[in-house]
Amino acid sequence: MKILLSGGTGFLGQAITKLLTSEKHEVFILTRNPDQPKAANQVHYVEWLTENAAPEEKLPSIDAVINLAGESINNGRWSDEQKRKIYDSRMNATDEILRIIQQLESPPSVLVNASAVGYYPTSETKIYTEQSIEQGEGFLSQTVVDWEKKAMLAEDHGVRVACARFGIILGKEDGALPNMALPYKLMAGGTVGSGRQWLSWIHHEDAARAVLFAIEKSIEGPFNVTAPNPMRMKEFGETLAKVLNRPHWIPAPGFALKLALGDKSALVLEGQKVLPNVLKNKGFTFLYPALNEALREIYS
């Protein structure tokens, strides 16, 4: 397949590119900086979101589109300006994806658009699946809800749309895990907040595989990209400490994190128990269904 990928130079984008090329697919990465060394012979960089860029003129017939583009939620404190960047970058990139799809001679069969489990309300007691209709409140939830609505407009052009509601994607060098592991490496790790908040996580390899699975297995609508065994934050920290061979003893009180991180503290102080029912019902096999084995692979 020929697959168009935005956000391909980011953390998850690199994992997806590695997977796609290993499966002999041809990848066209949309980027503001097309002059980059190729990751593989099947990788092509196409300029977009710059003045006079017309990526549709440089693309062949595309079979599938993966849209991951957007300012990382892990970058910096969530000031009003940073929130605008997070929101606007997703809306603007998806607008451009829709424009490109419309301009292509023949539309792709599918768009897999990134989303997040932040779509759901936070809760210590409820379990959320793709059948759950509740929507969360606050900045992150509204961003995700609006992002999915915009992506679904691709259906107007005859494109199947699947919205990947990612949990916390675990990897050694990027994403949330390095910041979570740092206190333990400094011998100062412990329970974050109450410790009862849920953390719906997934190993980065499984996250990449789930995206390709959605393309190949005709998944449509929202699908949760989380491991089948979410954990409460206290258990997550204890498991991380054990894998790193560090103590789990100094708690990080919620009020201190709110002072330090502002609204961004919600990423670690609040959470949802989210299950990947669509993936499981379609027959997806997780390489790392349990946290212990996922972390041991990452830190091996």
C-alpha atoms as a PDB file:
ATOM      1  CA  MET A   1       0.000   0.000   0.000  1.00  0.00           C
ATOM      2  CA  LYS A   2       0.915   3.635  -0.446  1.00  0.00           C
ATOM      3  CA  ILE A   3       0.227   5.381   2.840  1.00  0.00           C
ATOM      4  CA  LEU A   4       0.211   9.127   3.526  1.00  0.00           C
ATOM      5  CA  LEU A   5       1.353  10.004   7.050  1.00  0.00           C
ATOM      6  CA  SER A   6       1.285  13.319   8.895  1.00  0.00           C
ATOM      7  CA  GLY A   7       3.161  13.630  12.162  1.00  0.00           C
ATOM      8  CA  GLY A   8       5.527  10.993  10.827  1.00  0.00           C
ATOM      9  CA  THR A   9       8.636  12.491  12.423  1.00  0.00           C
ATOM     10  CA  GLY A  10       7.156  12.390  15.941  1.00  0.00           C
ATOM     11  CA  PHE A  11       7.375   9.661  18.584  1.00  0.00           C
ATOM     12  CA  LEU A  12       4.478   7.501  17.380  1.00  0.00           C
ATOM     13  CA  GLY A  13       4.987   8.496  13.755  1.00  0.00           C
ATOM     14  CA  GLN A  14       8.489   7.031  13.777  1.00  0.00           C
ATOM     15  CA  ALA A  15       7.207   3.769  15.249  1.00  0.00           C
ATOM     16  CA  ILE A  16       4.494   3.587  12.584  1.00  0.00           C
ATOM     17  CA  THR A  17       6.955   4.371   9.793  1.00  0.00           C
ATOM     18  CA  LYS A  18       9.284   1.615  11.012  1.00  0.00           C
ATOM     19  CA  LEU A  19       6.400  -0.863  11.066  1.00  0.00           C
ATOM     20  CA  LEU A  20       5.027   0.134   7.659  1.00  0.00           C
ATOM     21  CA  THR A  21       8.388  -0.115   5.927  1.00  0.00           C
ATOM     22  CA  SER A  22       9.078  -3.494   7.566  1.00  0.00           C
ATOM     23  CA  GLU A  23       5.772  -4.650   6.051  1.00  0.00           C
ATOM     24  CA  LYS A  24       6.913  -3.357   2.622  1.00  0.00           C
ATOM     25  CA  HIS A  25       4.447  -0.471   2.441  1.00  0.00           C
ATOM     26  CA  GLU A  26       5.439   2.819   0.805  1.00  0.00           C
ATOM     27  CA  VAL A  27       5.199   5.822   3.139  1.00  0.00           C
ATOM     28  CA  PHE A  28       4.757   9.463   2.156  1.00  0.00           C
ATOM     29  CA  ILE A  29       5.463  11.676   5.169  1.00  0.00           C
ATOM     30  CA  LEU A  30       4.013  15.176   5.212  1.00  0.00           C
ATOM     31  CA  THR A  31       6.525  17.582   6.743  1.00  0.00           C
ATOM     32  CA  ARG A  32       7.514  21.240   6.803  1.00  0.00           C
ATOM     33  CA  ASN A  33      11.103  20.109   6.242  1.00  0.00           C
ATOM     34  CA  PRO A  34      11.243  17.655   3.337  1.00  0.00           C
ATOM     35  CA  ASP A  35      15.061  17.655   3.142  1.00  0.00           C
ATOM     36  CA  GLN A  36      15.641  14.833   5.617  1.00  0.00           C
ATOM     37  CA  PRO A  37      17.653  11.630   5.391  1.00  0.00           C
ATOM     38  CA  LYS A  38      15.414   8.750   4.422  1.00  0.00           C
ATOM     39  CA  ALA A  39      14.575   6.188   7.081  1.00  0.00           C
ATOM     40  CA  ALA A  40      14.196   3.555   4.360  1.00  0.00           C
ATOM     41  CA  ASN A  41      13.918   3.300   0.582  1.00  0.00           C
ATOM     42  CA  GLN A  42      10.132   3.213   0.829  1.00  0.00           C
ATOM     43  CA  VAL A  43       9.978   6.564   2.682  1.00  0.00           C
ATOM     44  CA  HIS A  44       9.334   9.846   0.856  1.00  0.00           C
ATOM     45  CA  TYR A  45       9.062  13.316   2.402  1.00  0.00           C
ATOM     46  CA  VAL A  46       6.496  15.729   0.994  1.00  0.00           C
ATOM     47  CA  GLU A  47       6.340  19.378   2.000  1.00  0.00           C
ATOM     48  CA  TRP A  48       3.131  20.746   3.501  1.00  0.00           C
ATOM     49  CA  LEU A  49       1.814  23.596   5.668  1.00  0.00           C
ATOM     50  CA  THR A  50       4.316  26.034   4.194  1.00  0.00           C
ATOM     51  CA  GLU A  51       3.733  28.896   1.788  1.00  0.00           C
ATOM     52  CA  ASN A  52       2.958  27.651  -1.728  1.00  0.00           C
ATOM     53  CA  ALA A  53       3.200  23.997  -0.709  1.00  0.00           C
ATOM     54  CA  ALA A  54       0.928  21.765  -2.820  1.00  0.00           C
ATOM     55  CA  PRO A  55       1.551  18.218  -1.565  1.00  0.00           C
ATOM     56  CA  GLU A  56      -1.277  16.756  -3.630  1.00  0.00           C
ATOM     57  CA  GLU A  57       0.744  17.545  -6.775  1.00  0.00           C
ATOM     58  CA  LYS A  58       3.633  15.362  -5.588  1.00  0.00           C
ATOM     59  CA  LEU A  59       1.641  12.381  -4.411  1.00  0.00           C
ATOM     60  CA  PRO A  60       0.770   9.198  -6.289  1.00  0.00           C
ATOM     61  CA  SER A  61      -2.512   7.395  -5.791  1.00  0.00           C
ATOM     62  CA  ILE A  62      -2.821   6.992  -2.006  1.00  0.00           C
ATOM     63  CA  ASP A  63      -4.455   3.948  -0.396  1.00  0.00           C
ATOM     64  CA  ALA A  64      -4.657   5.172   3.213  1.00  0.00           C
ATOM     65  CA  VAL A  65      -4.014   8.291   5.284  1.00  0.00           C
ATOM     66  CA  ILE A  66      -2.798   8.410   8.892  1.00  0.00           C
ATOM     67  CA  ASN A  67      -3.129  11.800  10.584  1.00  0.00           C
ATOM     68  CA  LEU A  68      -1.122  12.256  13.785  1.00  0.00           C
ATOM     69  CA  ALA A  69      -0.150  15.906  13.320  1.00  0.00           C
ATOM     70  CA  GLY A  70      -0.412  18.275  16.258  1.00  0.00           C
ATOM     71  CA  GLU A  71       1.576  20.038  18.979  1.00  0.00           C
ATOM     72  CA  SER A  72       2.602  17.521  21.649  1.00  0.00           C
ATOM     73  CA  ILE A  73       0.590  17.730  24.854  1.00  0.00           C
ATOM     74  CA  ASN A  74       3.830  16.904  26.702  1.00  0.00           C
ATOM     75  CA  ASN A  75       5.533  20.149  25.639  1.00  0.00           C
ATOM     76  CA  GLY A  76       5.790  22.727  28.396  1.00  0.00           C
ATOM     77  CA  ARG A  77       3.213  24.105  30.815  1.00  0.00           C
ATOM     78  CA  TRP A  78      -0.322  24.514  29.488  1.00  0.00           C
ATOM     79  CA  SER A  79      -0.465  28.289  29.267  1.00  0.00           C
ATOM     80  CA  ASP A  80      -3.310  29.838  27.285  1.00  0.00           C
ATOM     81  CA  GLU A  81      -0.898  30.205  24.372  1.00  0.00           C
ATOM     82  CA  GLN A  82       0.184  26.565  24.573  1.00  0.00           C
ATOM     83  CA  LYS A  83      -3.432  25.410  24.694  1.00  0.00           C
ATOM     84  CA  ARG A  84      -4.108  27.384  21.513  1.00  0.00           C
ATOM     85  CA  LYS A  85      -1.122  25.698  19.854  1.00  0.00           C
ATOM     86  CA  ILE A  86      -2.317  22.239  20.903  1.00  0.00           C
ATOM     87  CA  TYR A  87      -5.852  22.894  19.659  1.00  0.00           C
ATOM     88  CA  ASP A  88      -5.154  24.927  16.520  1.00  0.00           C
ATOM     89  CA  SER A  89      -2.350  22.661  15.282  1.00  0.00           C
ATOM     90  CA  ARG A  90      -4.730  19.697  15.255  1.00  0.00           C
ATOM     91  CA  MET A  91      -7.587  21.556  13.602  1.00  0.00           C
ATOM     92  CA  ASN A  92      -5.377  23.212  10.968  1.00  0.00           C
ATOM     93  CA  ALA A  93      -3.540  20.002  10.083  1.00  0.00           C
ATOM     94  CA  THR A  94      -6.793  18.071   9.746  1.00  0.00           C
ATOM     95  CA  ASP A  95      -8.256  20.825   7.562  1.00  0.00           C
ATOM     96  CA  GLU A  96      -5.252  20.399   5.286  1.00  0.00           C
ATOM     97  CA  ILE A  97      -5.626  16.614   5.269  1.00  0.00           C
ATOM     98  CA  LEU A  98      -9.249  17.058   4.183  1.00  0.00           C
ATOM     99  CA  ARG A  99      -8.195  19.495   1.453  1.00  0.00           C
ATOM    100  CA  ILE A 100      -5.534  17.084   0.152  1.00  0.00           C
ATOM    101  CA  ILE A 101      -8.015  14.201   0.115  1.00  0.00           C
ATOM    102  CA  GLN A 102     -10.430  16.333  -1.884  1.00  0.00           C
ATOM    103  CA  GLN A 103      -7.705  17.268  -4.378  1.00  0.00           C
ATOM    104  CA  LEU A 104      -6.416  13.752  -5.003  1.00  0.00           C
ATOM    105  CA  GLU A 105      -7.495  12.193  -8.285  1.00  0.00           C
ATOM    106  CA  SER A 106      -8.988   9.269  -6.381  1.00  0.00           C
ATOM    107  CA  PRO A 107      -9.657   9.390  -2.613  1.00  0.00           C
ATOM    108  CA  PRO A 108      -7.924   6.984  -0.234  1.00  0.00           C
ATOM    109  CA  SER A 109     -10.024   4.172   1.155  1.00  0.00           C
ATOM    110  CA  VAL A 110      -9.436   5.113   4.792  1.00  0.00           C
ATOM    111  CA  LEU A 111      -8.308   7.889   7.130  1.00  0.00           C
ATOM    112  CA  VAL A 112      -7.009   6.843  10.555  1.00  0.00           C
ATOM    113  CA  ASN A 113      -7.069   9.989  12.659  1.00  0.00           C
ATOM    114  CA  ALA A 114      -5.388  10.306  16.041  1.00  0.00           C
ATOM    115  CA  SER A 115      -7.543  10.941  19.079  1.00  0.00           C
ATOM    116  CA  ALA A 116      -7.178  10.195  22.796  1.00  0.00           C
ATOM    117  CA  VAL A 117      -8.874   8.481  25.726  1.00  0.00           C
ATOM    118  CA  GLY A 118      -9.293  12.000  27.091  1.00  0.00           C
ATOM    119  CA  TYR A 119     -12.521  11.883  25.084  1.00  0.00           C
ATOM    120  CA  TYR A 120     -14.087  10.102  28.077  1.00  0.00           C
ATOM    121  CA  PRO A 121     -14.800  11.657  31.478  1.00  0.00           C
ATOM    122  CA  THR A 122     -12.345  10.987  34.279  1.00  0.00           C
ATOM    123  CA  SER A 123     -13.514   8.435  36.822  1.00  0.00           C
ATOM    124  CA  GLU A 124     -12.104   6.094  39.459  1.00  0.00           C
ATOM    125  CA  THR A 125     -15.028   3.671  39.169  1.00  0.00           C
ATOM    126  CA  LYS A 126     -16.401   3.592  35.605  1.00  0.00           C
ATOM    127  CA  ILE A 127     -15.185   1.490  32.703  1.00  0.00           C
ATOM    128  CA  TYR A 128     -15.244   3.012  29.212  1.00  0.00           C
ATOM    129  CA  THR A 129     -15.426   1.235  25.870  1.00  0.00           C
ATOM    130  CA  GLU A 130     -16.135   2.520  22.375  1.00  0.00           C
ATOM    131  CA  GLN A 131     -19.834   2.080  23.167  1.00  0.00           C
ATOM    132  CA  SER A 132     -19.634   4.652  25.973  1.00  0.00           C
ATOM    133  CA  ILE A 133     -21.373   7.876  24.929  1.00  0.00           C
ATOM    134  CA  GLU A 134     -20.217  10.075  27.803  1.00  0.00           C
ATOM    135  CA  GLN A 135     -17.861  12.910  26.913  1.00  0.00           C
ATOM    136  CA  GLY A 136     -15.407  14.513  29.294  1.00  0.00           C
ATOM    137  CA  GLU A 137     -15.198  18.156  30.232  1.00  0.00           C
ATOM    138  CA  GLY A 138     -12.288  20.546  30.090  1.00  0.00           C
ATOM    139  CA  PHE A 139      -9.683  21.536  27.548  1.00  0.00           C
ATOM    140  CA  LEU A 140      -8.307  18.141  26.530  1.00  0.00           C
ATOM    141  CA  SER A 141     -11.705  16.504  26.145  1.00  0.00           C
ATOM    142  CA  GLN A 142     -13.063  19.366  24.050  1.00  0.00           C
ATOM    143  CA  THR A 143      -9.978  19.270  21.845  1.00  0.00           C
ATOM    144  CA  VAL A 144     -10.403  15.548  21.208  1.00  0.00           C
ATOM    145  CA  VAL A 145     -14.163  15.802  20.590  1.00  0.00           C
ATOM    146  CA  ASP A 146     -13.668  18.605  18.051  1.00  0.00           C
ATOM    147  CA  TRP A 147     -10.765  16.771  16.411  1.00  0.00           C
ATOM    148  CA  GLU A 148     -12.848  13.653  15.831  1.00  0.00           C
ATOM    149  CA  LYS A 149     -15.766  15.678  14.449  1.00  0.00           C
ATOM    150  CA  LYS A 150     -13.487  17.365  11.939  1.00  0.00           C
ATOM    151  CA  ALA A 151     -11.836  14.103  10.864  1.00  0.00           C
ATOM    152  CA  MET A 152     -15.245  12.514  10.279  1.00  0.00           C
ATOM    153  CA  LEU A 153     -15.854  15.083   7.515  1.00  0.00           C
ATOM    154  CA  ALA A 154     -13.677  12.886   5.296  1.00  0.00           C
ATOM    155  CA  GLU A 155     -16.704  10.590   5.024  1.00  0.00           C
ATOM    156  CA  ASP A 156     -18.235  13.248   2.777  1.00  0.00           C
ATOM    157  CA  HIS A 157     -15.569  12.291   0.216  1.00  0.00           C
ATOM    158  CA  GLY A 158     -16.275   8.561   0.434  1.00  0.00           C
ATOM    159  CA  VAL A 159     -13.452   7.834   2.897  1.00  0.00           C
ATOM    160  CA  ARG A 160     -13.814   5.389   5.788  1.00  0.00           C
ATOM    161  CA  VAL A 161     -12.744   7.152   8.997  1.00  0.00           C
ATOM    162  CA  ALA A 162     -11.338   5.457  12.103  1.00  0.00           C
ATOM    163  CA  CYS A 163     -10.478   7.553  15.166  1.00  0.00           C
ATOM    164  CA  ALA A 164      -7.682   6.036  17.256  1.00  0.00           C
ATOM    165  CA  ARG A 165      -8.281   6.967  20.894  1.00  0.00           C
ATOM    166  CA  PHE A 166      -4.769   6.514  22.223  1.00  0.00           C
ATOM    167  CA  GLY A 167      -3.980   5.927  25.858  1.00  0.00           C
ATOM    168  CA  ILE A 168      -0.598   6.840  27.344  1.00  0.00           C
ATOM    169  CA  ILE A 169       1.910   5.519  24.801  1.00  0.00           C
ATOM    170  CA  LEU A 170       4.958   4.035  26.509  1.00  0.00           C
ATOM    171  CA  GLY A 171       8.432   4.349  25.024  1.00  0.00           C
ATOM    172  CA  LYS A 172      11.906   4.819  26.457  1.00  0.00           C
ATOM    173  CA  GLU A 173      12.992   8.054  24.829  1.00  0.00           C
ATOM    174  CA  ASP A 174       9.795  10.037  24.257  1.00  0.00           C
ATOM    175  CA  GLY A 175       6.198  10.441  25.340  1.00  0.00           C
ATOM    176  CA  ALA A 176       5.128  10.501  28.980  1.00  0.00           C
ATOM    177  CA  LEU A 177       7.217   7.600  30.316  1.00  0.00           C
ATOM    178  CA  PRO A 178      10.622   9.365  30.553  1.00  0.00           C
ATOM    179  CA  ASN A 179       9.101  12.048  32.807  1.00  0.00           C
ATOM    180  CA  MET A 180       7.323   9.406  34.886  1.00  0.00           C
ATOM    181  CA  ALA A 181      10.503   7.343  35.254  1.00  0.00           C
ATOM    182  CA  LEU A 182      12.838  10.237  36.107  1.00  0.00           C
ATOM    183  CA  PRO A 183      11.905  10.509  39.831  1.00  0.00           C
ATOM    184  CA  TYR A 184      12.534   6.776  40.229  1.00  0.00           C
ATOM    185  CA  LYS A 185      15.923   7.044  38.535  1.00  0.00           C
ATOM    186  CA  LEU A 186      16.717   9.812  41.041  1.00  0.00           C
ATOM    187  CA  MET A 187      15.617   7.520  43.905  1.00  0.00           C
ATOM    188  CA  ALA A 188      12.644   9.797  44.604  1.00  0.00           C
ATOM    189  CA  GLY A 189       9.713   7.985  43.009  1.00  0.00           C
ATOM    190  CA  GLY A 190       6.411   7.366  44.698  1.00  0.00           C
ATOM    191  CA  THR A 191       2.638   7.505  44.407  1.00  0.00           C
ATOM    192  CA  VAL A 192       1.330  10.400  42.325  1.00  0.00           C
ATOM    193  CA  GLY A 193      -1.747  12.108  43.749  1.00  0.00           C
ATOM    194  CA  SER A 194      -4.218   9.724  45.345  1.00  0.00           C
ATOM    195  CA  GLY A 195      -2.809   6.776  43.411  1.00  0.00           C
ATOM    196  CA  ARG A 196      -6.350   5.588  42.694  1.00  0.00           C
ATOM    197  CA  GLN A 197      -6.616   7.303  39.309  1.00  0.00           C
ATOM    198  CA  TRP A 198      -6.576   4.961  36.326  1.00  0.00           C
ATOM    199  CA  LEU A 199      -3.841   4.924  33.716  1.00  0.00           C
ATOM    200  CA  SER A 200      -4.812   3.413  30.375  1.00  0.00           C
ATOM    201  CA  TRP A 201      -1.496   2.735  28.659  1.00  0.00           C
ATOM    202  CA  ILE A 202      -0.095   0.958  25.596  1.00  0.00           C
ATOM    203  CA  HIS A 203       3.375  -0.080  24.420  1.00  0.00           C
ATOM    204  CA  HIS A 204       4.493   1.993  21.409  1.00  0.00           C
ATOM    205  CA  GLU A 205       4.865  -1.097  19.201  1.00  0.00           C
ATOM    206  CA  ASP A 206       1.285  -2.170  19.904  1.00  0.00           C
ATOM    207  CA  ALA A 207       0.074   1.389  19.251  1.00  0.00           C
ATOM    208  CA  ALA A 208       1.720   1.348  15.811  1.00  0.00           C
ATOM    209  CA  ARG A 209       0.401  -2.147  15.064  1.00  0.00           C
ATOM    210  CA  ALA A 210      -3.129  -1.093  16.043  1.00  0.00           C
ATOM    211  CA  VAL A 211      -3.084   1.721  13.477  1.00  0.00           C
ATOM    212  CA  LEU A 212      -2.085  -0.630  10.658  1.00  0.00           C
ATOM    213  CA  PHE A 213      -4.632  -3.169  11.928  1.00  0.00           C
ATOM    214  CA  ALA A 214      -7.378  -0.538  11.659  1.00  0.00           C
ATOM    215  CA  ILE A 215      -6.420   0.060   8.033  1.00  0.00           C
ATOM    216  CA  GLU A 216      -6.334  -3.613   7.128  1.00  0.00           C
ATOM    217  CA  LYS A 217      -9.374  -4.791   9.113  1.00  0.00           C
ATOM    218  CA  SER A 218     -11.846  -2.098   8.032  1.00  0.00           C
ATOM    219  CA  ILE A 219     -12.303  -0.567  11.481  1.00  0.00           C
ATOM    220  CA  GLU A 220     -14.660   2.378  11.341  1.00  0.00           C
ATOM    221  CA  GLY A 221     -15.445   5.063  13.922  1.00  0.00           C
ATOM    222  CA  PRO A 222     -13.701   5.273  17.293  1.00  0.00           C
ATOM    223  CA  PHE A 223     -11.444   2.499  18.559  1.00  0.00           C
ATOM    224  CA  ASN A 224      -9.502   2.547  21.811  1.00  0.00           C
ATOM    225  CA  VAL A 225      -5.761   2.043  21.466  1.00  0.00           C
ATOM    226  CA  THR A 226      -4.985   0.872  24.978  1.00  0.00           C
ATOM    227  CA  ALA A 227      -3.640  -2.331  26.483  1.00  0.00           C
ATOM    228  CA  PRO A 228      -6.337  -4.655  27.858  1.00  0.00           C
ATOM    229  CA  ASN A 229      -4.995  -4.241  31.413  1.00  0.00           C
ATOM    230  CA  PRO A 230      -5.128  -0.613  32.599  1.00  0.00           C
ATOM    231  CA  MET A 231      -3.694   0.043  36.045  1.00  0.00           C
ATOM    232  CA  ARG A 232      -4.235   2.469  38.861  1.00  0.00           C
ATOM    233  CA  MET A 233      -1.440   5.013  39.222  1.00  0.00           C
ATOM    234  CA  LYS A 234      -0.136   3.519  42.485  1.00  0.00           C
ATOM    235  CA  GLU A 235       0.212   0.074  40.883  1.00  0.00           C
ATOM    236  CA  PHE A 236       1.760   1.598  37.789  1.00  0.00           C
ATOM    237  CA  GLY A 237       4.391   3.345  39.907  1.00  0.00           C
ATOM    238  CA  GLU A 238       5.125   0.226  41.924  1.00  0.00           C
ATOM    239  CA  THR A 239       5.588  -1.799  38.734  1.00  0.00           C
ATOM    240  CA  LEU A 240       7.836   0.859  37.205  1.00  0.00           C
ATOM    241  CA  ALA A 241       9.942   0.981  40.380  1.00  0.00           C
ATOM    242  CA  LYS A 242      10.349  -2.806  40.349  1.00  0.00           C
ATOM    243  CA  VAL A 243      11.417  -2.875  36.700  1.00  0.00           C
ATOM    244  CA  LEU A 244      13.927  -0.045  37.295  1.00  0.00           C
ATOM    245  CA  ASN A 245      15.064  -1.631  40.575  1.00  0.00           C
ATOM    246  CA  ARG A 246      14.334   1.564  42.475  1.00  0.00           C
ATOM    247  CA  PRO A 247      12.315   2.324  45.622  1.00  0.00           C
ATOM    248  CA  HIS A 248       8.715   3.483  45.495  1.00  0.00           C
ATOM    249  CA  TRP A 249       8.437   5.664  48.553  1.00  0.00           C
ATOM    250  CA  ILE A 250       8.235   9.470  48.145  1.00  0.00           C
ATOM    251  CA  PRO A 251       4.658  10.512  47.280  1.00  0.00           C
ATOM    252  CA  ALA A 252       3.938  13.410  44.927  1.00  0.00           C
ATOM    253  CA  PRO A 253       0.877  15.171  46.420  1.00  0.00           C
ATOM    254  CA  GLY A 254      -1.760  16.396  44.024  1.00  0.00           C
ATOM    255  CA  PHE A 255      -1.714  20.015  45.193  1.00  0.00           C
ATOM    256  CA  ALA A 256       2.026  20.270  44.521  1.00  0.00           C
ATOM    257  CA  LEU A 257       1.611  18.932  40.989  1.00  0.00           C
ATOM    258  CA  LYS A 258      -1.228  21.374  40.341  1.00  0.00           C
ATOM    259  CA  LEU A 259       1.016  24.230  41.437  1.00  0.00           C
ATOM    260  CA  ALA A 260       3.867  22.992  39.274  1.00  0.00           C
ATOM    261  CA  LEU A 261       1.954  21.968  36.152  1.00  0.00           C
ATOM    262  CA  GLY A 262      -1.331  23.879  36.237  1.00  0.00           C
ATOM    263  CA  ASP A 263      -4.043  22.340  34.070  1.00  0.00           C
ATOM    264  CA  LYS A 264      -1.526  19.897  32.626  1.00  0.00           C
ATOM    265  CA  SER A 265      -1.502  18.102  35.999  1.00  0.00           C
ATOM    266  CA  ALA A 266      -4.790  16.477  34.936  1.00  0.00           C
ATOM    267  CA  LEU A 267      -2.732  14.128  32.731  1.00  0.00           C
ATOM    268  CA  VAL A 268      -1.397  12.365  35.835  1.00  0.00           C
ATOM    269  CA  LEU A 269      -3.897  13.274  38.569  1.00  0.00           C
ATOM    270  CA  GLU A 270      -7.001  12.186  36.660  1.00  0.00           C
ATOM    271  CA  GLY A 271      -7.655   9.240  34.418  1.00  0.00           C
ATOM    272  CA  GLN A 272     -10.032   6.762  32.863  1.00  0.00           C
ATOM    273  CA  LYS A 273     -10.244   2.977  32.788  1.00  0.00           C
ATOM    274  CA  VAL A 274     -10.515   2.372  29.042  1.00  0.00           C
ATOM    275  CA  LEU A 275     -10.760  -1.025  27.363  1.00  0.00           C
ATOM    276  CA  PRO A 276      -9.933  -1.805  23.691  1.00  0.00           C
ATOM    277  CA  ASN A 277     -13.083  -3.753  22.847  1.00  0.00           C
ATOM    278  CA  VAL A 278     -13.083  -2.971  19.116  1.00  0.00           C
ATOM    279  CA  LEU A 279      -9.510  -4.194  18.667  1.00  0.00           C
ATOM    280  CA  LYS A 280     -10.158  -7.335  20.733  1.00  0.00           C
ATOM    281  CA  ASN A 281     -13.402  -8.155  18.922  1.00  0.00           C
ATOM    282  CA  LYS A 282     -11.635  -7.788  15.565  1.00  0.00           C
ATOM    283  CA  GLY A 283      -8.960 -10.249  16.662  1.00  0.00           C
ATOM    284  CA  PHE A 284      -6.039  -7.933  17.444  1.00  0.00           C
ATOM    285  CA  THR A 285      -3.258  -9.647  19.399  1.00  0.00           C
ATOM    286  CA  PHE A 286      -1.268  -7.513  21.835  1.00  0.00           C
ATOM    287  CA  LEU A 287       2.452  -8.128  22.029  1.00  0.00           C
ATOM    288  CA  TYR A 288       2.509  -6.496  25.466  1.00  0.00           C
ATOM    289  CA  PRO A 289      -0.855  -6.906  27.215  1.00  0.00           C
ATOM    290  CA  ALA A 290       0.619  -6.600  30.727  1.00  0.00           C
ATOM    291  CA  LEU A 291       2.501  -3.593  32.099  1.00  0.00           C
ATOM    292  CA  ASN A 292       5.354  -5.571  33.624  1.00  0.00           C
ATOM    293  CA  GLU A 293       6.344  -7.170  30.321  1.00  0.00           C
ATOM    294  CA  ALA A 294       5.871  -3.899  28.424  1.00  0.00           C
ATOM    295  CA  LEU A 295       8.206  -1.994  30.764  1.00  0.00           C
ATOM    296  CA  ARG A 296      10.758  -4.818  30.817  1.00  0.00           C
ATOM    297  CA  GLU A 297      10.930  -4.729  27.024  1.00  0.00           C
ATOM    298  CA  ILE A 298      11.289  -0.937  27.003  1.00  0.00           C
ATOM    299  CA  TYR A 299      14.099  -0.967  29.583  1.00  0.00           C
ATOM    300  CA  SER A 300      15.772  -4.170  28.417  1.00  0.00           C
END
